[in-house]
Structures are given as structure tokens and as C-alpha cells.
Amino acid sequence: VQLVESGGGLVQAGGSLRLSCAASGRRMSNYAMGWFRQ
């Protein structure tokens, strides 16, 4: 399984972003997935 994030960037307070995590190597519909930050 490979996971590739995209969609990050610089935004002003109050703004919005949509992050994506594209998976390959396996269908992930039955896998639990999540987001963390550091």
C-alpha cells in the first residue's frame, strides 16, 4: 500500500483547504483510514 497526500499550502486564518490521500496497491474501502498532524 502506498499513500500520497496532496492539497496542502498556505492559507489565511479563516480560510479552507481540502487535503487528499490517494491510495494505491490495494482497494482501501474496507480499511480504516485517518489523518494525523505534527
PDB file of all heavy atoms in Angstrom:
ATOM      1  N   VAL A   1       0.843  -1.189   0.000  1.00  0.00           N
ATOM      2  CA  VAL A   1       0.000   0.000   0.000  1.00  0.00           C
ATOM      3  C   VAL A   1       0.879   1.240   0.000  1.00  0.00           C
ATOM      4  O   VAL A   1       1.847   1.336   0.768  1.00  0.00           O
ATOM      5  CB  VAL A   1      -0.925   0.007   1.232  1.00  0.00           C
ATOM      6  CG1 VAL A   1      -1.663   1.325   1.337  1.00  0.00           C
ATOM      7  CG2 VAL A   1      -1.916  -1.154   1.156  1.00  0.00           C
ATOM      8  N   GLN A   2       0.541   2.177  -0.847  1.00  0.00           N
ATOM      9  CA  GLN A   2       1.187   3.489  -0.839  1.00  0.00           C
ATOM     10  C   GLN A   2       0.126   4.551  -0.671  1.00  0.00           C
ATOM     11  O   GLN A   2      -0.937   4.486  -1.288  1.00  0.00           O
ATOM     12  CB  GLN A   2       1.967   3.711  -2.131  1.00  0.00           C
ATOM     13  CG  GLN A   2       3.214   2.843  -2.246  1.00  0.00           C
ATOM     14  CD  GLN A   2       4.081   3.227  -3.418  1.00  0.00           C
ATOM     15  OE1 GLN A   2       3.575   3.544  -4.494  1.00  0.00           O
ATOM     16  NE2 GLN A   2       5.384   3.186  -3.236  1.00  0.00           N
ATOM     17  N   LEU A   3       0.435   5.524   0.158  1.00  0.00           N
ATOM     18  CA  LEU A   3      -0.456   6.646   0.424  1.00  0.00           C
ATOM     19  C   LEU A   3       0.255   7.928   0.044  1.00  0.00           C
ATOM     20  O   LEU A   3       1.399   8.153   0.476  1.00  0.00           O
ATOM     21  CB  LEU A   3      -0.853   6.683   1.894  1.00  0.00           C
ATOM     22  CG  LEU A   3      -1.505   5.422   2.471  1.00  0.00           C
ATOM     23  CD1 LEU A   3      -1.725   5.574   3.980  1.00  0.00           C
ATOM     24  CD2 LEU A   3      -2.802   5.113   1.771  1.00  0.00           C
ATOM     25  N   VAL A   4      -0.410   8.762  -0.740  1.00  0.00           N
ATOM     26  CA  VAL A   4       0.197  10.011  -1.181  1.00  0.00           C
ATOM     27  C   VAL A   4      -0.753  11.160  -0.875  1.00  0.00           C
ATOM     28  O   VAL A   4      -1.865  11.213  -1.411  1.00  0.00           O
ATOM     29  CB  VAL A   4       0.521   9.982  -2.681  1.00  0.00           C
ATOM     30  CG1 VAL A   4       1.128  11.315  -3.114  1.00  0.00           C
ATOM     31  CG2 VAL A   4       1.488   8.835  -2.995  1.00  0.00           C
ATOM     32  N   GLU A   5      -0.290  12.070  -0.012  1.00  0.00           N
ATOM     33  CA  GLU A   5      -1.090  13.237   0.343  1.00  0.00           C
ATOM     34  C   GLU A   5      -0.842  14.380  -0.625  1.00  0.00           C
ATOM     35  O   GLU A   5       0.239  14.503  -1.209  1.00  0.00           O
ATOM     36  CB  GLU A   5      -0.763  13.733   1.758  1.00  0.00           C
ATOM     37  CG  GLU A   5      -0.977  12.730   2.868  1.00  0.00           C
ATOM     38  CD  GLU A   5       0.308  12.019   3.232  1.00  0.00           C
ATOM     39  OE1 GLU A   5       1.175  11.894   2.346  1.00  0.00           O
ATOM     40  OE2 GLU A   5       0.467  11.595   4.398  1.00  0.00           O
ATOM     41  N   SER A   6      -1.835  15.232  -0.764  1.00  0.00           N
ATOM     42  CA  SER A   6      -1.706  16.460  -1.545  1.00  0.00           C
ATOM     43  C   SER A   6      -2.740  17.450  -1.042  1.00  0.00           C
ATOM     44  O   SER A   6      -3.626  17.102  -0.254  1.00  0.00           O
ATOM     45  CB  SER A   6      -1.909  16.188  -3.043  1.00  0.00           C
ATOM     46  OG  SER A   6      -3.212  15.678  -3.289  1.00  0.00           O
ATOM     47  N   GLY A   7      -2.610  18.682  -1.494  1.00  0.00           N
ATOM     48  CA  GLY A   7      -3.599  19.692  -1.160  1.00  0.00           C
ATOM     49  C   GLY A   7      -3.179  20.688  -0.101  1.00  0.00           C
ATOM     50  O   GLY A   7      -3.912  21.631   0.194  1.00  0.00           O
ATOM     51  N   GLY A   8      -2.012  20.470   0.485  1.00  0.00           N
ATOM     52  CA  GLY A   8      -1.553  21.421   1.474  1.00  0.00           C
ATOM     53  C   GLY A   8      -1.148  22.741   0.837  1.00  0.00           C
ATOM     54  O   GLY A   8      -1.108  22.870  -0.387  1.00  0.00           O
ATOM     55  N   GLY A   9      -0.876  23.714   1.685  1.00  0.00           N
ATOM     56  CA  GLY A   9      -0.458  25.005   1.176  1.00  0.00           C
ATOM     57  C   GLY A   9      -0.550  26.070   2.232  1.00  0.00           C
ATOM     58  O   GLY A   9      -0.694  25.782   3.429  1.00  0.00           O
ATOM     59  N   LEU A  10      -0.461  27.301   1.777  1.00  0.00           N
ATOM     60  CA  LEU A  10      -0.524  28.470   2.646  1.00  0.00           C
ATOM     61  C   LEU A  10      -1.899  29.106   2.503  1.00  0.00           C
ATOM     62  O   LEU A  10      -2.357  29.376   1.390  1.00  0.00           O
ATOM     63  CB  LEU A  10       0.565  29.469   2.267  1.00  0.00           C
ATOM     64  CG  LEU A  10       0.556  30.811   2.978  1.00  0.00           C
ATOM     65  CD1 LEU A  10       0.798  30.627   4.474  1.00  0.00           C
ATOM     66  CD2 LEU A  10       1.609  31.746   2.360  1.00  0.00           C
ATOM     67  N   VAL A  11      -2.544  29.345   3.637  1.00  0.00           N
ATOM     68  CA  VAL A  11      -3.877  29.940   3.625  1.00  0.00           C
ATOM     69  C   VAL A  11      -3.991  30.899   4.794  1.00  0.00           C
ATOM     70  O   VAL A  11      -3.321  30.724   5.826  1.00  0.00           O
ATOM     71  CB  VAL A  11      -4.952  28.832   3.691  1.00  0.00           C
ATOM     72  CG1 VAL A  11      -4.881  28.066   5.000  1.00  0.00           C
ATOM     73  CG2 VAL A  11      -6.343  29.391   3.464  1.00  0.00           C
ATOM     74  N   GLN A  12      -4.812  31.910   4.634  1.00  0.00           N
ATOM     75  CA  GLN A  12      -5.038  32.850   5.735  1.00  0.00           C
ATOM     76  C   GLN A  12      -6.006  32.267   6.752  1.00  0.00           C
ATOM     77  O   GLN A  12      -6.842  31.404   6.426  1.00  0.00           O
ATOM     78  CB  GLN A  12      -5.593  34.160   5.196  1.00  0.00           C
ATOM     79  CG  GLN A  12      -4.586  35.000   4.425  1.00  0.00           C
ATOM     80  CD  GLN A  12      -5.119  36.377   4.082  1.00  0.00           C
ATOM     81  OE1 GLN A  12      -6.315  36.550   3.890  1.00  0.00           O
ATOM     82  NE2 GLN A  12      -4.226  37.353   4.009  1.00  0.00           N
ATOM     83  N   ALA A  13      -5.897  32.739   7.962  1.00  0.00           N
ATOM     84  CA  ALA A  13      -6.826  32.315   9.004  1.00  0.00           C
ATOM     85  C   ALA A  13      -8.265  32.551   8.544  1.00  0.00           C
ATOM     86  O   ALA A  13      -8.578  33.582   7.950  1.00  0.00           O
ATOM     87  CB  ALA A  13      -6.546  33.074  10.296  1.00  0.00           C
ATOM     88  N   GLY A  14      -9.109  31.569   8.822  1.00  0.00           N
ATOM     89  CA  GLY A  14     -10.492  31.632   8.372  1.00  0.00           C
ATOM     90  C   GLY A  14     -10.736  30.976   7.025  1.00  0.00           C
ATOM     91  O   GLY A  14     -11.893  30.758   6.638  1.00  0.00           O
ATOM     92  N   GLY A  15      -9.667  30.653   6.328  1.00  0.00           N
ATOM     93  CA  GLY A  15      -9.786  30.041   5.017  1.00  0.00           C
ATOM     94  C   GLY A  15      -9.986  28.533   5.085  1.00  0.00           C
ATOM     95  O   GLY A  15     -10.141  27.957   6.165  1.00  0.00           O
ATOM     96  N   SER A  16      -9.971  27.919   3.908  1.00  0.00           N
ATOM     97  CA  SER A  16     -10.239  26.483   3.798  1.00  0.00           C
ATOM     98  C   SER A  16      -9.202  25.815   2.912  1.00  0.00           C
ATOM     99  O   SER A  16      -8.616  26.444   2.027  1.00  0.00           O
ATOM    100  CB  SER A  16     -11.630  26.248   3.191  1.00  0.00           C
ATOM    101  OG  SER A  16     -12.651  26.782   3.993  1.00  0.00           O
ATOM    102  N   LEU A  17      -8.999  24.535   3.177  1.00  0.00           N
ATOM    103  CA  LEU A  17      -8.182  23.677   2.333  1.00  0.00           C
ATOM    104  C   LEU A  17      -8.822  22.294   2.313  1.00  0.00           C
ATOM    105  O   LEU A  17      -9.463  21.889   3.281  1.00  0.00           O
ATOM    106  CB  LEU A  17      -6.755  23.553   2.866  1.00  0.00           C
ATOM    107  CG  LEU A  17      -5.783  24.689   2.645  1.00  0.00           C
ATOM    108  CD1 LEU A  17      -4.473  24.406   3.394  1.00  0.00           C
ATOM    109  CD2 LEU A  17      -5.500  24.910   1.170  1.00  0.00           C
ATOM    110  N   ARG A  18      -8.592  21.582   1.221  1.00  0.00           N
ATOM    111  CA  ARG A  18      -9.001  20.191   1.166  1.00  0.00           C
ATOM    112  C   ARG A  18      -7.776  19.330   0.886  1.00  0.00           C
ATOM    113  O   ARG A  18      -7.134  19.476  -0.163  1.00  0.00           O
ATOM    114  CB  ARG A  18     -10.068  19.938   0.098  1.00  0.00           C
ATOM    115  CG  ARG A  18     -10.632  18.516   0.190  1.00  0.00           C
ATOM    116  CD  ARG A  18     -11.723  18.242  -0.822  1.00  0.00           C
ATOM    117  NE  ARG A  18     -11.188  17.996  -2.160  1.00  0.00           N
ATOM    118  CZ  ARG A  18     -11.841  17.349  -3.118  1.00  0.00           C
ATOM    119  NH1 ARG A  18     -13.053  16.861  -2.869  1.00  0.00           N
ATOM    120  NH2 ARG A  18     -11.303  17.188  -4.309  1.00  0.00           N
ATOM    121  N   LEU A  19      -7.479  18.479   1.820  1.00  0.00           N
ATOM    122  CA  LEU A  19      -6.368  17.546   1.662  1.00  0.00           C
ATOM    123  C   LEU A  19      -6.878  16.248   1.040  1.00  0.00           C
ATOM    124  O   LEU A  19      -8.002  15.819   1.320  1.00  0.00           O
ATOM    125  CB  LEU A  19      -5.715  17.247   3.003  1.00  0.00           C
ATOM    126  CG  LEU A  19      -5.240  18.440   3.814  1.00  0.00           C
ATOM    127  CD1 LEU A  19      -4.543  17.953   5.085  1.00  0.00           C
ATOM    128  CD2 LEU A  19      -4.335  19.341   3.012  1.00  0.00           C
ATOM    129  N   SER A  20      -6.031  15.652   0.225  1.00  0.00           N
ATOM    130  CA  SER A  20      -6.347  14.370  -0.393  1.00  0.00           C
ATOM    131  C   SER A  20      -5.293  13.344  -0.008  1.00  0.00           C
ATOM    132  O   SER A  20      -4.124  13.685   0.168  1.00  0.00           O
ATOM    133  CB  SER A  20      -6.391  14.503  -1.915  1.00  0.00           C
ATOM    134  OG  SER A  20      -7.371  15.419  -2.337  1.00  0.00           O
ATOM    135  N   CYS A  21      -5.726  12.114   0.087  1.00  0.00           N
ATOM    136  CA  CYS A  21      -4.817  10.995   0.338  1.00  0.00           C
ATOM    137  C   CYS A  21      -5.169   9.902  -0.676  1.00  0.00           C
ATOM    138  O   CYS A  21      -6.183   9.208  -0.516  1.00  0.00           O
ATOM    139  CB  CYS A  21      -4.956  10.488   1.766  1.00  0.00           C
ATOM    140  SG  CYS A  21      -4.002   8.987   2.104  1.00  0.00           S
ATOM    141  N   ALA A  22      -4.358   9.799  -1.701  1.00  0.00           N
ATOM    142  CA  ALA A  22      -4.602   8.816  -2.750  1.00  0.00           C
ATOM    143  C   ALA A  22      -3.875   7.521  -2.423  1.00  0.00           C
ATOM    144  O   ALA A  22      -2.669   7.533  -2.160  1.00  0.00           O
ATOM    145  CB  ALA A  22      -4.133   9.359  -4.093  1.00  0.00           C
ATOM    146  N   ALA A  23      -4.616   6.436  -2.440  1.00  0.00           N
ATOM    147  CA  ALA A  23      -4.040   5.137  -2.109  1.00  0.00           C
ATOM    148  C   ALA A  23      -3.820   4.315  -3.372  1.00  0.00           C
ATOM    149  O   ALA A  23      -4.586   4.412  -4.340  1.00  0.00           O
ATOM    150  CB  ALA A  23      -4.956   4.384  -1.167  1.00  0.00           C
ATOM    151  N   SER A  24      -2.783   3.534  -3.355  1.00  0.00           N
ATOM    152  CA  SER A  24      -2.510   2.596  -4.448  1.00  0.00           C
ATOM    153  C   SER A  24      -2.000   1.293  -3.871  1.00  0.00           C
ATOM    154  O   SER A  24      -1.556   1.235  -2.724  1.00  0.00           O
ATOM    155  CB  SER A  24      -1.491   3.182  -5.428  1.00  0.00           C
ATOM    156  OG  SER A  24      -0.263   3.423  -4.777  1.00  0.00           O
ATOM    157  N   GLY A  25      -2.101   0.253  -4.666  1.00  0.00           N
ATOM    158  CA  GLY A  25      -1.626  -1.053  -4.237  1.00  0.00           C
ATOM    159  C   GLY A  25      -2.704  -1.936  -3.650  1.00  0.00           C
ATOM    160  O   GLY A  25      -2.528  -3.147  -3.549  1.00  0.00           O
ATOM    161  N   ARG A  26      -3.803  -1.340  -3.230  1.00  0.00           N
ATOM    162  CA  ARG A  26      -4.895  -2.109  -2.641  1.00  0.00           C
ATOM    163  C   ARG A  26      -6.134  -1.233  -2.593  1.00  0.00           C
ATOM    164  O   ARG A  26      -6.036  -0.025  -2.391  1.00  0.00           O
ATOM    165  CB  ARG A  26      -4.527  -2.548  -1.222  1.00  0.00           C
ATOM    166  CG  ARG A  26      -5.522  -3.469  -0.552  1.00  0.00           C
ATOM    167  CD  ARG A  26      -5.064  -3.804   0.860  1.00  0.00           C
ATOM    168  NE  ARG A  26      -3.866  -4.618   0.880  1.00  0.00           N
ATOM    169  CZ  ARG A  26      -3.865  -5.936   0.836  1.00  0.00           C
ATOM    170  NH1 ARG A  26      -5.002  -6.610   0.762  1.00  0.00           N
ATOM    171  NH2 ARG A  26      -2.740  -6.596   0.884  1.00  0.00           N
ATOM    172  N   ARG A  27      -7.300  -1.854  -2.772  1.00  0.00           N
ATOM    173  CA  ARG A  27      -8.530  -1.110  -2.582  1.00  0.00           C
ATOM    174  C   ARG A  27      -8.712  -0.877  -1.089  1.00  0.00           C
ATOM    175  O   ARG A  27      -8.643  -1.802  -0.297  1.00  0.00           O
ATOM    176  CB  ARG A  27      -9.731  -1.906  -3.122  1.00  0.00           C
ATOM    177  CG  ARG A  27      -9.654  -2.237  -4.598  1.00  0.00           C
ATOM    178  CD  ARG A  27      -9.564  -0.997  -5.459  1.00  0.00           C
ATOM    179  NE  ARG A  27     -10.718  -0.123  -5.301  1.00  0.00           N
ATOM    180  CZ  ARG A  27     -10.834   1.062  -5.904  1.00  0.00           C
ATOM    181  NH1 ARG A  27      -9.871   1.502  -6.690  1.00  0.00           N
ATOM    182  NH2 ARG A  27     -11.898   1.777  -5.723  1.00  0.00           N
ATOM    183  N   MET A  28      -8.954   0.383  -0.714  1.00  0.00           N
ATOM    184  CA  MET A  28      -8.936   0.757   0.693  1.00  0.00           C
ATOM    185  C   MET A  28     -10.323   0.923   1.294  1.00  0.00           C
ATOM    186  O   MET A  28     -10.441   1.336   2.450  1.00  0.00           O
ATOM    187  CB  MET A  28      -8.145   2.052   0.868  1.00  0.00           C
ATOM    188  CG  MET A  28      -6.706   1.973   0.390  1.00  0.00           C
ATOM    189  SD  MET A  28      -5.743   0.729   1.267  1.00  0.00           S
ATOM    190  CE  MET A  28      -5.558   1.534   2.850  1.00  0.00           C
ATOM    191  N   SER A  29     -11.371   0.641   0.552  1.00  0.00           N
ATOM    192  CA  SER A  29     -12.724   0.942   1.032  1.00  0.00           C
ATOM    193  C   SER A  29     -13.055   0.233   2.346  1.00  0.00           C
ATOM    194  O   SER A  29     -13.857   0.737   3.133  1.00  0.00           O
ATOM    195  CB  SER A  29     -13.754   0.584  -0.033  1.00  0.00           C
ATOM    196  OG  SER A  29     -13.676  -0.802  -0.351  1.00  0.00           O
ATOM    197  N   ASN A  30     -12.455  -0.911   2.602  1.00  0.00           N
ATOM    198  CA  ASN A  30     -12.744  -1.641   3.839  1.00  0.00           C
ATOM    199  C   ASN A  30     -11.653  -1.474   4.883  1.00  0.00           C
ATOM    200  O   ASN A  30     -11.668  -2.165   5.907  1.00  0.00           O
ATOM    201  CB  ASN A  30     -12.968  -3.113   3.548  1.00  0.00           C
ATOM    202  CG  ASN A  30     -14.290  -3.348   2.839  1.00  0.00           C
ATOM    203  OD1 ASN A  30     -15.298  -2.717   3.160  1.00  0.00           O
ATOM    204  ND2 ASN A  30     -14.292  -4.223   1.865  1.00  0.00           N
ATOM    205  N   TYR A  31     -10.736  -0.564   4.658  1.00  0.00           N
ATOM    206  CA  TYR A  31      -9.686  -0.275   5.613  1.00  0.00           C
ATOM    207  C   TYR A  31     -10.011   1.020   6.361  1.00  0.00           C
ATOM    208  O   TYR A  31     -10.501   1.979   5.779  1.00  0.00           O
ATOM    209  CB  TYR A  31      -8.345  -0.081   4.909  1.00  0.00           C
ATOM    210  CG  TYR A  31      -7.659  -1.358   4.481  1.00  0.00           C
ATOM    211  CD1 TYR A  31      -8.307  -2.280   3.684  1.00  0.00           C
ATOM    212  CD2 TYR A  31      -6.350  -1.620   4.861  1.00  0.00           C
ATOM    213  CE1 TYR A  31      -7.665  -3.442   3.285  1.00  0.00           C
ATOM    214  CE2 TYR A  31      -5.705  -2.766   4.458  1.00  0.00           C
ATOM    215  CZ  TYR A  31      -6.375  -3.678   3.666  1.00  0.00           C
ATOM    216  OH  TYR A  31      -5.739  -4.831   3.267  1.00  0.00           O
ATOM    217  N   ALA A  32      -9.725   1.038   7.629  1.00  0.00           N
ATOM    218  CA  ALA A  32      -9.836   2.272   8.391  1.00  0.00           C
ATOM    219  C   ALA A  32      -8.692   3.202   8.000  1.00  0.00           C
ATOM    220  O   ALA A  32      -7.548   2.761   7.862  1.00  0.00           O
ATOM    221  CB  ALA A  32      -9.773   1.976   9.882  1.00  0.00           C
ATOM    222  N   MET A  33      -9.019   4.475   7.837  1.00  0.00           N
ATOM    223  CA  MET A  33      -8.011   5.453   7.453  1.00  0.00           C
ATOM    224  C   MET A  33      -8.181   6.705   8.292  1.00  0.00           C
ATOM    225  O   MET A  33      -9.276   6.980   8.789  1.00  0.00           O
ATOM    226  CB  MET A  33      -8.139   5.797   5.965  1.00  0.00           C
ATOM    227  CG  MET A  33      -7.937   4.610   5.046  1.00  0.00           C
ATOM    228  SD  MET A  33      -8.020   5.052   3.301  1.00  0.00           S
ATOM    229  CE  MET A  33      -6.487   5.966   3.116  1.00  0.00           C
ATOM    230  N   GLY A  34      -7.107   7.441   8.422  1.00  0.00           N
ATOM    231  CA  GLY A  34      -7.199   8.628   9.252  1.00  0.00           C
ATOM    232  C   GLY A  34      -6.168   9.679   8.888  1.00  0.00           C
ATOM    233  O   GLY A  34      -5.293   9.449   8.047  1.00  0.00           O
ATOM    234  N   TRP A  35      -6.294  10.817   9.537  1.00  0.00           N
ATOM    235  CA  TRP A  35      -5.367  11.937   9.378  1.00  0.00           C
ATOM    236  C   TRP A  35      -4.740  12.255  10.739  1.00  0.00           C
ATOM    237  O   TRP A  35      -5.424  12.289  11.762  1.00  0.00           O
ATOM    238  CB  TRP A  35      -6.093  13.182   8.871  1.00  0.00           C
ATOM    239  CG  TRP A  35      -6.553  13.083   7.455  1.00  0.00           C
ATOM    240  CD1 TRP A  35      -7.791  12.707   7.010  1.00  0.00           C
ATOM    241  CD2 TRP A  35      -5.786  13.367   6.296  1.00  0.00           C
ATOM    242  NE1 TRP A  35      -7.838  12.738   5.642  1.00  0.00           N
ATOM    243  CE2 TRP A  35      -6.614  13.146   5.173  1.00  0.00           C
ATOM    244  CE3 TRP A  35      -4.471  13.792   6.064  1.00  0.00           C
ATOM    245  CZ2 TRP A  35      -6.180  13.328   3.859  1.00  0.00           C
ATOM    246  CZ3 TRP A  35      -4.030  13.979   4.767  1.00  0.00           C
ATOM    247  CH2 TRP A  35      -4.875  13.748   3.675  1.00  0.00           C
ATOM    248  N   PHE A  36      -3.454  12.500  10.685  1.00  0.00           N
ATOM    249  CA  PHE A  36      -2.699  12.984  11.832  1.00  0.00           C
ATOM    250  C   PHE A  36      -1.972  14.252  11.397  1.00  0.00           C
ATOM    251  O   PHE A  36      -1.841  14.536  10.217  1.00  0.00           O
ATOM    252  CB  PHE A  36      -1.662  11.940  12.272  1.00  0.00           C
ATOM    253  CG  PHE A  36      -2.261  10.720  12.922  1.00  0.00           C
ATOM    254  CD1 PHE A  36      -2.874   9.731  12.160  1.00  0.00           C
ATOM    255  CD2 PHE A  36      -2.203  10.548  14.301  1.00  0.00           C
ATOM    256  CE1 PHE A  36      -3.421   8.597  12.751  1.00  0.00           C
ATOM    257  CE2 PHE A  36      -2.739   9.420  14.907  1.00  0.00           C
ATOM    258  CZ  PHE A  36      -3.352   8.451  14.125  1.00  0.00           C
ATOM    259  N   ARG A  37      -1.497  14.986  12.369  1.00  0.00           N
ATOM    260  CA  ARG A  37      -0.689  16.166  12.052  1.00  0.00           C
ATOM    261  C   ARG A  37       0.416  16.314  13.070  1.00  0.00           C
ATOM    262  O   ARG A  37       0.314  15.850  14.212  1.00  0.00           O
ATOM    263  CB  ARG A  37      -1.558  17.425  12.016  1.00  0.00           C
ATOM    264  CG  ARG A  37      -2.130  17.855  13.343  1.00  0.00           C
ATOM    265  CD  ARG A  37      -3.079  19.029  13.149  1.00  0.00           C
ATOM    266  NE  ARG A  37      -3.610  19.531  14.418  1.00  0.00           N
ATOM    267  CZ  ARG A  37      -4.541  20.458  14.527  1.00  0.00           C
ATOM    268  NH1 ARG A  37      -5.053  21.022  13.423  1.00  0.00           N
ATOM    269  NH2 ARG A  37      -4.962  20.851  15.707  1.00  0.00           N
ATOM    270  N   GLN A  38       1.479  16.980  12.623  1.00  0.00           N
ATOM    271  CA  GLN A  38       2.615  17.219  13.508  1.00  0.00           C
ATOM    272  C   GLN A  38       3.139  18.618  13.278  1.00  0.00           C
ATOM    273  O   GLN A  38       3.600  18.953  12.185  1.00  0.00           O
ATOM    274  CB  GLN A  38       3.715  16.185  13.267  1.00  0.00           C
ATOM    275  CG  GLN A  38       4.841  16.260  14.268  1.00  0.00           C
ATOM    276  CD  GLN A  38       5.753  15.047  14.217  1.00  0.00           C
ATOM    277  OE1 GLN A  38       5.752  14.289  13.246  1.00  0.00           O
ATOM    278  NE2 GLN A  38       6.532  14.838  15.271  1.00  0.00           N
TER     279      GLN A  38
END
